Protein backbone atom coordinates (compact mmCIF):
# COMPACT_ATOMS: atom_id res chain seq x y z
CA MET A 1 -128.44 119.56 -214.29
CA GLU A 2 -127.74 122.76 -212.69
CA THR A 3 -131.27 122.82 -211.25
CA ASN A 4 -131.13 119.60 -209.78
CA ARG A 5 -127.70 120.36 -208.31
CA ARG A 6 -129.25 123.54 -206.73
CA ASP A 7 -132.23 121.64 -205.13
CA PHE A 8 -129.64 119.13 -203.82
CA ILE A 9 -127.48 121.75 -202.14
CA LYS A 10 -130.52 123.48 -200.89
CA LYS A 11 -131.87 120.12 -199.38
CA GLY A 12 -128.71 118.85 -197.95
CA THR A 13 -128.08 122.29 -196.27
CA ILE A 14 -131.58 122.20 -194.35
CA ALA A 15 -131.41 118.47 -193.63
CA GLY A 16 -130.34 117.57 -190.34
CA LEU A 17 -129.61 114.35 -188.32
CA GLY A 18 -127.80 115.69 -185.18
CA LEU A 19 -124.73 116.55 -186.93
CA SER A 20 -125.63 120.28 -188.27
CA GLY A 21 -123.63 122.70 -189.95
CA LEU A 22 -122.28 120.88 -193.00
CA LEU A 23 -121.14 123.22 -195.54
CA LEU A 24 -121.45 121.83 -199.09
CA SER A 25 -119.04 123.19 -201.71
CA LYS A 26 -120.36 125.27 -204.64
CA ASP A 27 -118.78 122.88 -206.95
CA LEU A 28 -119.72 119.42 -205.70
CA SER A 29 -117.35 116.48 -206.38
CA ALA A 30 -120.26 114.33 -207.03
CA GLN A 31 -121.13 115.72 -210.88
CA ASN A 32 -124.09 113.03 -211.55
CA LEU A 33 -126.16 113.66 -208.16
CA SER A 34 -129.45 113.20 -210.17
CA LYS A 35 -128.17 109.59 -211.13
CA ILE A 36 -128.24 108.40 -207.48
CA ARG A 37 -131.64 106.18 -207.11
CA PRO A 38 -134.21 107.13 -204.66
CA MET A 39 -133.46 105.46 -201.42
CA ALA A 40 -135.60 102.23 -201.12
CA LYS A 41 -138.57 102.79 -199.07
CA SER A 42 -139.23 101.09 -195.93
CA ALA A 43 -142.07 101.43 -192.94
CA SER A 44 -139.09 102.37 -190.53
CA ALA A 45 -137.48 104.50 -193.12
CA LEU A 46 -133.95 102.85 -191.96
CA ILE A 47 -131.12 102.99 -194.46
CA ARG A 48 -130.82 99.52 -195.99
CA LEU A 49 -127.23 99.01 -195.23
CA GLY A 50 -124.98 95.76 -196.63
CA PHE A 51 -121.52 94.77 -195.41
CA ILE A 52 -118.81 93.05 -197.60
CA GLY A 53 -116.25 91.73 -195.17
CA THR A 54 -117.19 90.75 -191.29
CA GLY A 55 -113.85 90.07 -190.10
CA SER A 56 -112.73 92.08 -186.86
CA ARG A 57 -112.94 95.51 -188.61
CA GLY A 58 -116.47 94.76 -190.30
CA CYS A 59 -117.81 92.97 -187.28
CA SER A 60 -116.69 96.11 -185.32
CA HIS A 61 -118.65 98.75 -187.67
CA LEU A 62 -121.83 96.25 -188.02
CA ASN A 63 -121.95 96.72 -184.37
CA GLU A 64 -121.42 100.56 -184.13
CA SER A 65 -123.81 100.83 -187.27
CA ILE A 66 -126.80 98.97 -185.12
CA LYS A 67 -125.85 101.08 -182.24
CA THR A 68 -126.69 104.38 -184.31
CA GLY A 69 -130.22 103.09 -184.83
CA LEU A 70 -130.45 104.32 -188.17
CA VAL A 71 -129.92 101.04 -190.20
CA ASP A 72 -131.37 97.91 -191.24
CA ILE A 73 -128.76 95.30 -192.00
CA VAL A 74 -130.10 93.59 -195.11
CA ALA A 75 -127.23 91.63 -196.25
CA ILE A 76 -123.66 90.55 -195.36
CA CYS A 77 -120.94 88.91 -197.36
CA ASP A 78 -117.50 87.02 -196.66
CA ILE A 79 -115.77 83.88 -197.69
CA ASN A 80 -115.14 82.95 -194.00
CA PRO A 81 -117.67 80.96 -192.09
CA ALA A 82 -116.57 82.03 -188.51
CA SER A 83 -116.68 85.63 -189.82
CA ILE A 84 -120.53 85.20 -190.73
CA ASP A 85 -121.26 83.60 -187.80
CA ASN A 86 -119.85 86.34 -185.75
CA ALA A 87 -121.82 88.74 -187.48
CA LYS A 88 -125.02 86.67 -187.07
CA THR A 89 -124.26 86.66 -183.45
CA ILE A 90 -123.98 90.37 -183.08
CA ILE A 91 -127.17 91.02 -185.21
CA SER A 92 -129.05 88.65 -182.94
CA ARG A 93 -127.73 89.95 -179.71
CA ASN A 94 -128.68 93.28 -180.72
CA GLY A 95 -132.38 91.90 -181.30
CA LYS A 96 -132.32 92.36 -185.01
CA LYS A 97 -133.42 89.84 -187.86
CA GLU A 98 -131.01 87.66 -189.64
CA PRO A 99 -129.92 89.41 -193.07
CA LYS A 100 -129.41 87.34 -196.29
CA ILE A 101 -125.86 85.88 -196.23
CA TYR A 102 -123.83 85.81 -199.36
CA SER A 103 -120.63 83.64 -199.37
CA GLY A 104 -118.93 80.57 -200.70
CA ASN A 105 -116.51 82.14 -203.31
CA GLU A 106 -114.45 85.56 -203.61
CA PHE A 107 -116.93 87.10 -205.85
CA ALA A 108 -119.92 86.55 -203.78
CA PHE A 109 -120.38 90.30 -203.02
CA LYS A 110 -121.39 90.74 -206.81
CA ASN A 111 -124.46 88.88 -206.39
CA MET A 112 -124.97 90.75 -203.31
CA LEU A 113 -124.63 94.00 -204.79
CA LYS A 114 -126.86 92.82 -208.12
CA ASP A 115 -129.82 91.15 -205.98
CA GLU A 116 -130.21 93.36 -203.15
CA LYS A 117 -131.64 97.15 -203.06
CA LEU A 118 -129.18 99.01 -201.06
CA ASP A 119 -128.74 102.24 -199.88
CA ALA A 120 -125.30 101.95 -198.70
CA VAL A 121 -122.44 99.43 -198.57
CA ILE A 122 -119.58 99.12 -196.02
CA ILE A 123 -116.43 97.66 -197.14
CA ALA A 124 -113.78 95.98 -194.63
CA THR A 125 -111.89 93.54 -196.40
CA PRO A 126 -108.06 93.17 -197.28
CA TRP A 127 -106.60 96.09 -199.04
CA GLU A 128 -106.11 94.35 -202.45
CA TRP A 129 -110.03 93.99 -202.75
CA HIS A 130 -111.07 97.40 -201.71
CA VAL A 131 -110.94 99.09 -205.36
CA ARG A 132 -112.73 96.13 -207.12
CA MET A 133 -115.32 95.82 -204.40
CA ALA A 134 -115.87 99.74 -204.37
CA VAL A 135 -115.89 99.85 -208.10
CA ALA A 136 -118.65 97.26 -208.26
CA SER A 137 -120.76 98.86 -205.91
CA MET A 138 -120.78 102.29 -207.72
CA LYS A 139 -121.49 100.50 -210.93
CA ALA A 140 -124.15 98.26 -209.31
CA GLY A 141 -126.00 101.87 -208.31
CA VAL A 142 -125.59 101.81 -204.72
CA PRO A 143 -125.99 105.39 -203.80
CA TYR A 144 -123.27 105.24 -201.22
CA THR A 145 -120.58 103.13 -200.89
CA ALA A 146 -117.94 103.29 -197.55
CA VAL A 147 -114.57 101.62 -198.04
CA GLU A 148 -111.82 101.08 -195.49
CA VAL A 149 -108.53 102.18 -195.43
CA SER A 150 -106.25 102.64 -197.35
CA ALA A 151 -108.88 102.73 -200.06
CA ALA A 152 -106.26 101.92 -203.00
CA ASN A 153 -102.65 100.75 -203.34
CA THR A 154 -101.73 102.05 -206.93
CA LEU A 155 -102.09 105.12 -208.92
CA GLU A 156 -104.24 103.17 -211.52
CA GLU A 157 -106.63 102.06 -208.75
CA CYS A 158 -106.73 105.78 -207.39
CA TRP A 159 -107.66 107.12 -210.89
CA ASP A 160 -110.43 103.96 -210.82
CA LEU A 161 -112.18 105.09 -207.86
CA VAL A 162 -112.23 108.70 -209.52
CA ASN A 163 -113.25 107.76 -212.91
CA VAL A 164 -116.05 105.31 -211.72
CA HIS A 165 -117.47 108.02 -209.51
CA GLU A 166 -117.61 110.30 -212.11
CA GLU A 167 -119.09 107.96 -214.64
CA THR A 168 -121.81 106.70 -212.39
CA GLY A 169 -122.61 109.53 -210.11
CA MET A 170 -122.33 107.24 -207.05
CA GLN A 171 -120.83 108.50 -203.99
CA LEU A 172 -117.75 107.11 -202.39
CA MET A 173 -116.48 107.78 -198.86
CA ILE A 174 -113.05 106.61 -197.16
CA LEU A 175 -113.73 105.32 -193.55
CA GLU A 176 -110.93 107.34 -192.02
CA ASN A 177 -111.71 107.34 -188.36
CA VAL A 178 -108.79 109.26 -187.19
CA CYS A 179 -110.32 112.46 -188.79
CA TYR A 180 -113.13 112.14 -186.12
CA ARG A 181 -110.70 111.71 -183.19
CA ARG A 182 -111.95 114.07 -180.43
CA ASP A 183 -108.69 115.94 -180.03
CA VAL A 184 -108.08 115.84 -183.95
CA MET A 185 -111.35 117.46 -184.51
CA ALA A 186 -110.85 120.30 -181.51
CA VAL A 187 -107.28 121.02 -183.37
CA LEU A 188 -109.53 121.58 -186.53
CA ASN A 189 -111.69 124.24 -184.58
CA MET A 190 -108.40 125.71 -183.76
CA VAL A 191 -106.82 125.96 -187.24
CA ARG A 192 -110.03 127.33 -188.64
CA THR A 193 -110.13 130.06 -186.17
CA ASN A 194 -106.61 130.83 -186.89
CA ILE A 195 -105.47 130.18 -183.39
CA PHE A 196 -101.98 128.92 -184.85
CA GLY A 197 -102.06 131.62 -187.58
CA GLU A 198 -101.00 130.84 -190.78
CA LEU A 199 -100.30 127.38 -190.95
CA ILE A 200 -96.34 126.43 -192.24
CA HIS A 201 -95.86 122.64 -191.43
CA CYS A 202 -97.65 119.66 -190.52
CA ARG A 203 -96.30 116.14 -189.40
CA CYS A 204 -98.20 112.86 -188.95
CA GLY A 205 -97.68 109.10 -189.53
CA TYR A 206 -98.50 105.46 -188.51
CA GLU A 207 -96.07 104.65 -185.76
CA HIS A 208 -97.63 101.53 -184.55
CA ASP A 209 -95.64 98.01 -183.66
CA LEU A 210 -97.71 95.80 -185.74
CA ARG A 211 -94.99 92.59 -185.54
CA GLY A 212 -97.74 90.63 -183.52
CA VAL A 213 -100.46 91.55 -186.13
CA LYS A 214 -98.28 90.53 -188.88
CA PHE A 215 -97.39 87.20 -187.34
CA ASN A 216 -100.64 86.17 -185.43
CA ASP A 217 -101.95 82.84 -185.02
CA GLY A 218 -104.98 83.93 -183.38
CA GLU A 219 -104.13 82.90 -179.70
CA HIS A 220 -100.86 84.16 -178.92
CA TYR A 221 -100.43 88.30 -179.80
CA SER A 222 -97.20 88.56 -177.77
CA TYR A 223 -95.92 84.91 -178.30
CA THR A 224 -94.36 84.92 -174.95
CA ASN A 225 -96.31 81.74 -174.05
CA GLY A 226 -95.71 79.48 -176.51
CA GLY A 227 -97.51 80.67 -179.27
CA ASP A 228 -96.40 80.25 -183.09
CA LEU A 229 -95.51 82.97 -185.81
CA LYS A 230 -98.23 82.45 -188.52
CA MET A 231 -98.60 84.67 -191.88
CA GLY A 232 -100.57 83.75 -195.04
CA LYS A 233 -103.64 81.33 -195.12
CA LYS A 234 -102.81 79.59 -191.95
CA ALA A 235 -102.78 82.95 -189.86
CA PHE A 236 -105.39 85.01 -187.90
CA SER A 237 -107.00 87.90 -189.41
CA GLU A 238 -104.85 90.64 -190.71
CA ALA A 239 -101.72 88.01 -190.41
CA GLN A 240 -103.28 86.24 -193.60
CA TRP A 241 -102.30 89.29 -195.81
CA ARG A 242 -100.71 92.42 -194.29
CA GLY A 243 -97.19 90.82 -193.71
CA LEU A 244 -97.06 89.73 -197.18
CA HIS A 245 -97.24 93.29 -198.53
CA ALA A 246 -94.19 94.05 -196.52
CA ILE A 247 -92.21 91.44 -198.19
CA LYS A 248 -93.18 92.60 -201.52
CA ARG A 249 -93.48 96.47 -201.07
CA ASN A 250 -91.18 99.12 -199.95
CA GLY A 251 -93.32 102.67 -199.10
CA ASP A 252 -95.75 104.07 -196.85
CA LEU A 253 -98.15 101.14 -196.97
CA TYR A 254 -100.71 103.18 -194.54
CA PRO A 255 -100.71 106.61 -194.71
CA THR A 256 -104.54 108.07 -194.21
CA HIS A 257 -104.45 108.15 -190.36
CA GLY A 258 -102.22 110.67 -190.43
CA ILE A 259 -102.64 112.33 -193.85
CA GLY A 260 -106.51 112.64 -193.49
CA PRO A 261 -106.62 114.92 -190.49
CA VAL A 262 -103.81 116.98 -191.89
CA SER A 263 -105.75 117.21 -195.15
CA ASN A 264 -108.49 118.73 -193.14
CA TRP A 265 -106.39 121.24 -191.43
CA LEU A 266 -104.74 122.24 -194.82
CA ASP A 267 -107.86 122.08 -196.66
CA ILE A 268 -106.58 119.67 -199.40
CA ASN A 269 -108.92 119.40 -202.45
CA ARG A 270 -110.64 122.28 -200.93
CA GLY A 271 -108.35 125.21 -202.08
CA ASN A 272 -105.17 123.46 -201.60
CA ARG A 273 -103.56 120.38 -202.81
CA PHE A 274 -100.19 118.08 -202.82
CA LEU A 275 -97.78 118.98 -205.32
CA THR A 276 -94.68 117.02 -205.08
CA LEU A 277 -93.56 114.08 -202.94
CA SER A 278 -90.14 112.57 -201.91
CA ALA A 279 -89.58 109.61 -199.94
CA MET A 280 -86.85 107.57 -198.35
CA ALA A 281 -86.88 104.03 -196.51
CA SER A 282 -84.39 102.95 -193.67
CA LYS A 283 -82.79 99.16 -193.83
CA SER A 284 -85.06 96.31 -192.83
CA ARG A 285 -84.24 94.58 -189.93
CA GLY A 286 -87.26 94.68 -187.51
CA LEU A 287 -89.38 91.89 -188.72
CA HIS A 288 -86.39 89.35 -189.38
CA LYS A 289 -85.25 90.16 -185.66
CA PHE A 290 -88.82 89.44 -184.50
CA ILE A 291 -88.82 86.07 -186.26
CA ILE A 292 -85.39 85.05 -184.57
CA ASP A 293 -86.51 86.25 -181.22
CA ASN A 294 -89.64 84.34 -181.22
CA GLY A 295 -89.26 81.56 -183.44
CA GLY A 296 -85.38 80.96 -183.66
CA ALA A 297 -83.11 80.92 -186.46
CA LYS A 298 -84.40 77.64 -187.84
CA HIS A 299 -88.02 78.94 -188.25
CA PRO A 300 -89.58 78.56 -191.82
CA TYR A 301 -89.74 82.57 -192.01
CA ALA A 302 -86.12 83.17 -190.84
CA ASP A 303 -84.92 83.35 -194.50
CA ILE A 304 -87.64 85.60 -195.67
CA ASN A 305 -86.28 88.96 -197.33
CA PHE A 306 -88.47 91.53 -196.12
CA ASN A 307 -88.41 94.68 -198.52
CA LEU A 308 -90.29 96.99 -196.43
CA GLY A 309 -88.03 99.53 -194.70
CA ASP A 310 -88.58 99.65 -190.88
CA ILE A 311 -88.90 103.47 -191.06
CA VAL A 312 -90.33 105.30 -194.40
CA THR A 313 -90.39 109.09 -194.29
CA SER A 314 -92.25 110.96 -197.19
CA MET A 315 -92.19 114.72 -197.55
CA ILE A 316 -94.87 116.46 -199.12
CA LYS A 317 -95.08 120.00 -201.05
CA CYS A 318 -98.47 121.77 -200.79
CA ALA A 319 -99.76 124.51 -203.39
CA ASN A 320 -100.24 126.73 -200.68
CA GLY A 321 -96.80 126.65 -199.58
CA GLU A 322 -96.60 124.17 -196.71
CA THR A 323 -94.90 121.28 -196.15
CA ILE A 324 -95.59 117.91 -194.54
CA ILE A 325 -93.83 114.91 -193.14
CA VAL A 326 -95.26 111.52 -193.02
CA THR A 327 -93.76 108.79 -191.23
CA HIS A 328 -94.43 105.06 -191.52
CA ASP A 329 -93.07 102.84 -188.53
CA THR A 330 -94.61 99.57 -187.84
CA ASN A 331 -91.91 96.97 -187.91
CA LEU A 332 -89.85 98.20 -184.44
CA PRO A 333 -91.03 98.00 -180.65
CA ARG A 334 -92.63 101.46 -179.91
CA PRO A 335 -95.64 102.93 -178.41
CA TYR A 336 -98.45 103.86 -180.48
CA SER A 337 -98.46 107.24 -182.09
CA LEU A 338 -99.64 109.17 -185.00
CA GLY A 339 -97.08 111.87 -184.31
CA PHE A 340 -99.17 114.93 -185.15
CA ARG A 341 -97.51 118.20 -185.31
CA VAL A 342 -99.37 121.56 -186.66
CA GLU A 343 -97.29 124.55 -186.83
CA GLY A 344 -98.19 128.13 -187.85
CA THR A 345 -97.15 131.76 -187.40
CA ASN A 346 -98.65 131.99 -183.89
CA GLY A 347 -97.84 128.55 -182.43
CA LEU A 348 -98.10 124.59 -182.66
CA TRP A 349 -99.70 121.79 -181.30
CA TYR A 350 -97.59 118.44 -180.71
CA ASN A 351 -99.70 115.40 -180.05
CA ASP A 352 -96.85 113.40 -178.42
CA GLY A 353 -96.73 114.55 -175.03
CA ASP A 354 -99.77 116.61 -175.53
CA HIS A 355 -98.25 119.90 -175.80
CA ILE A 356 -99.31 123.26 -177.12
CA TYR A 357 -97.79 126.78 -177.36
CA VAL A 358 -99.68 129.88 -178.51
CA GLU A 359 -97.51 132.98 -178.53
CA GLY A 360 -99.14 135.53 -176.45
CA LYS A 361 -101.57 133.12 -174.97
CA SER A 362 -99.64 130.23 -173.38
CA LYS A 363 -99.24 130.57 -169.62
CA VAL A 364 -95.37 131.08 -169.63
CA PRO A 365 -93.42 132.43 -172.79
CA ASP A 366 -91.34 129.63 -174.57
CA GLU A 367 -92.96 126.97 -172.45
CA TRP A 368 -95.58 124.35 -173.39
CA ASP A 369 -98.98 124.35 -172.27
CA ASP A 370 -100.65 120.95 -171.49
CA SER A 371 -103.22 120.60 -174.36
CA ALA A 372 -106.01 119.39 -172.46
CA GLY A 373 -107.44 122.65 -171.34
CA TRP A 374 -107.20 123.84 -175.38
CA ILE A 375 -109.10 120.62 -176.53
CA THR A 376 -111.63 121.07 -173.97
CA GLN A 377 -112.27 124.39 -174.72
CA TYR A 378 -112.47 124.05 -178.69
CA ASP A 379 -114.31 120.60 -178.39
CA HIS A 380 -115.99 120.15 -181.51
CA GLN A 381 -119.61 119.91 -182.24
CA TYR A 382 -119.85 116.63 -183.29
CA TRP A 383 -118.38 115.47 -180.08
CA ARG A 384 -120.54 117.89 -177.87
CA GLU A 385 -123.61 116.75 -179.24
CA LYS A 386 -122.70 113.04 -179.83
CA GLY A 387 -119.79 112.15 -177.04
CA LYS A 388 -122.05 110.68 -174.73
CA GLU A 389 -123.33 108.03 -177.19
CA ALA A 390 -120.04 107.25 -178.52
CA ALA A 391 -118.73 106.62 -175.27
CA GLY A 392 -117.43 103.16 -174.92
CA GLY A 393 -117.58 102.62 -179.00
CA GLY A 394 -114.81 101.58 -181.32
CA HIS A 395 -111.51 103.56 -181.16
CA GLY A 396 -112.42 105.82 -178.12
CA GLY A 397 -116.07 106.54 -179.83
CA MET A 398 -114.54 108.12 -182.93
CA ASP A 399 -116.14 105.24 -184.98
CA PHE A 400 -119.37 106.00 -183.82
CA ILE A 401 -119.04 109.55 -184.58
CA MET A 402 -117.74 108.74 -188.38
CA LEU A 403 -120.44 106.50 -189.08
CA ILE A 404 -123.37 108.79 -187.79
CA ASP A 405 -121.85 111.22 -190.21
CA PHE A 406 -121.78 109.25 -192.99
CA PHE A 407 -125.31 107.71 -192.39
CA ASP A 408 -126.20 111.51 -192.28
CA ALA A 409 -125.19 111.78 -195.91
CA VAL A 410 -126.71 108.73 -196.87
CA LYS A 411 -130.33 109.64 -195.25
CA ASN A 412 -130.18 112.99 -196.30
CA LYS A 413 -128.73 112.75 -199.91
CA LYS A 414 -126.07 114.85 -199.02
CA GLN A 415 -122.31 115.10 -200.03
CA VAL A 416 -120.20 112.64 -198.29
CA PRO A 417 -117.71 114.12 -195.80
CA PHE A 418 -114.64 112.58 -197.53
CA ASP A 419 -115.29 111.71 -201.21
CA ALA A 420 -113.59 109.51 -204.13
CA TYR A 421 -111.13 112.25 -204.80
CA ASP A 422 -110.09 112.18 -200.97
CA ALA A 423 -109.99 108.47 -200.90
CA ALA A 424 -107.53 108.67 -204.26
CA THR A 425 -105.47 111.52 -202.73
CA TRP A 426 -104.66 110.19 -199.51
CA SER A 427 -104.17 106.47 -200.99
CA ALA A 428 -101.72 107.60 -203.41
CA ILE A 429 -99.04 108.32 -201.23
CA SER A 430 -98.47 104.55 -200.91
CA ALA A 431 -97.67 104.27 -204.56
CA LEU A 432 -95.96 107.61 -204.83
CA SER A 433 -93.56 106.62 -201.92
CA GLU A 434 -92.68 103.55 -203.46
CA MET A 435 -91.99 105.18 -206.68
CA SER A 436 -89.78 107.65 -204.97
CA ILE A 437 -87.93 105.31 -203.00
CA ALA A 438 -87.37 103.08 -205.86
CA ARG A 439 -85.58 106.10 -207.59
CA GLY A 440 -83.55 106.75 -204.73
CA GLY A 441 -85.64 109.44 -203.24
CA ALA A 442 -86.70 111.13 -206.28
CA LEU A 443 -89.38 114.09 -206.27
CA VAL A 444 -92.42 112.83 -207.94
CA ASP A 445 -95.44 114.89 -208.96
CA PHE A 446 -98.54 114.57 -207.18
CA PRO A 447 -101.70 113.60 -209.50
CA ASP A 448 -104.47 116.05 -209.26
CA PHE A 449 -107.56 113.78 -208.90
CA THR A 450 -109.81 116.77 -208.79
CA ARG A 451 -108.82 117.86 -212.46
CA GLY A 452 -108.41 121.40 -211.11
CA LYS A 453 -111.55 121.55 -208.89
CA TRP A 454 -109.85 121.96 -205.67
CA ILE A 455 -108.94 125.59 -206.76
CA LYS A 456 -112.61 126.79 -205.96
CA GLN A 457 -114.03 124.12 -203.77
CA GLN A 458 -114.75 125.16 -200.10
CA PRO A 459 -114.36 122.97 -196.94
CA TRP A 460 -117.60 121.04 -196.04
CA PHE A 461 -116.25 118.33 -193.61
CA GLY A 462 -117.14 119.09 -189.71
CA ILE A 463 -118.30 122.80 -190.13
CA ASP A 464 -118.90 123.68 -186.29
CA ALA A 465 -121.47 126.33 -185.93
CA ALA A 466 -119.62 127.87 -182.67
CA TYR A 467 -116.39 127.71 -184.65
CA PRO A 468 -116.89 129.23 -187.89
CA ILE A 469 -114.18 129.19 -190.38
CA ASP A 470 -112.07 132.34 -190.20
CA ALA A 471 -113.03 134.40 -193.53
CA ASN A 472 -109.15 135.43 -193.97
CA ARG A 473 -108.13 131.99 -194.38
CA ARG A 474 -110.50 131.57 -197.57
CA LEU A 475 -109.63 135.11 -199.05
CA ILE A 476 -108.72 133.76 -202.25
CA ASN A 477 -111.79 131.57 -202.92
CA ASN A 478 -114.37 134.01 -201.38
CA ILE A 479 -113.22 136.02 -204.74
CA PHE A 480 -114.89 133.33 -206.92
């Protein structure tokens, strides 16, 4: 096994697909890499890719995947005929042959995983299906499984992802696209070259008015011209299920867009980890008011008691001493923001307003610089090399960059950028915040999903050849 692992690391280091410089850990999280079956052979050497879920998000990934030129879409699965038709249209429009279709019932994905020889699977379905589908994919022997965010809803599900990954040796990646946002990756270069000094505190969140998403009838997102409020089976897209979570749950239901980038900045699971969490939730008023304002006091939803607080605030303490504040704000009117803030002993970056201040380097003492110049200077290698190809892609191009990085791992049999341990750690904030809120904001322990491997693991995501990690940041790990 040790020989196989060294061979894997050697091959993974020299292999390249345009995104060079990835540094593999000395203690890889995929412990049974020898169990990964060889990639299926084909004349074109394309990745044999399957899709579970071809709704709006799945079709976006489908389109971007074809755009990379690296995949052969061999099978798609969805229970909604309209979603299947949309996927087939995208595939046909791009001049690709029609894949095998799996549909008919909620468990049709199992037939796809059993019957098809796939190199990778992308899962883009409602939250409550993510774990069972990802687990089924790994157990079916699919070498690489990518699952949308959040990856899991409960601590038990988080452990399921980790345990099945370790048992099977199959790799799992959480598709957290914000980690690939251009400014976020530039800040990663700044952090790793100690522009901000030693990091002390970070903030992040998901601050996004989702009221229209939660009650979408498929025709009138804003409801200003006669649309009806819909949720559940008769609604459109995410409104079929997302609003139901707001009725039953009270916690940070969608933490990964914020905590993913912060975890990279703070080396979480790679020399650092989350220790404890405490959360509180405000009262719930936003969704009820939205129903009354748009449907009237006699609307069937007017009497629904929403459990989700309008503002959920979680505080996290890290093993290396940093603190983090994570905010969930989706029920009130507001412009979109992920509320990023990175603060260290030399200065800070504040996403809202695009502010940056670095002591001794900013133009005027004690006054903000516009961050644009800094972002350009520290533009990440991924964007320098692939930015033109990504232009016009999903979410400003970051979806394309993310999928290129995932397919690079698949094609060259490398460690995925964000693994099962990251998927579990980032997603666990949902369950832990619910637990803390239910206990009046009590401090709860954060599970160590790596079982101690975080102590020695080195960062491997997004290593930029032009901006190597400052050795002083990894002094303790460099001893081992």
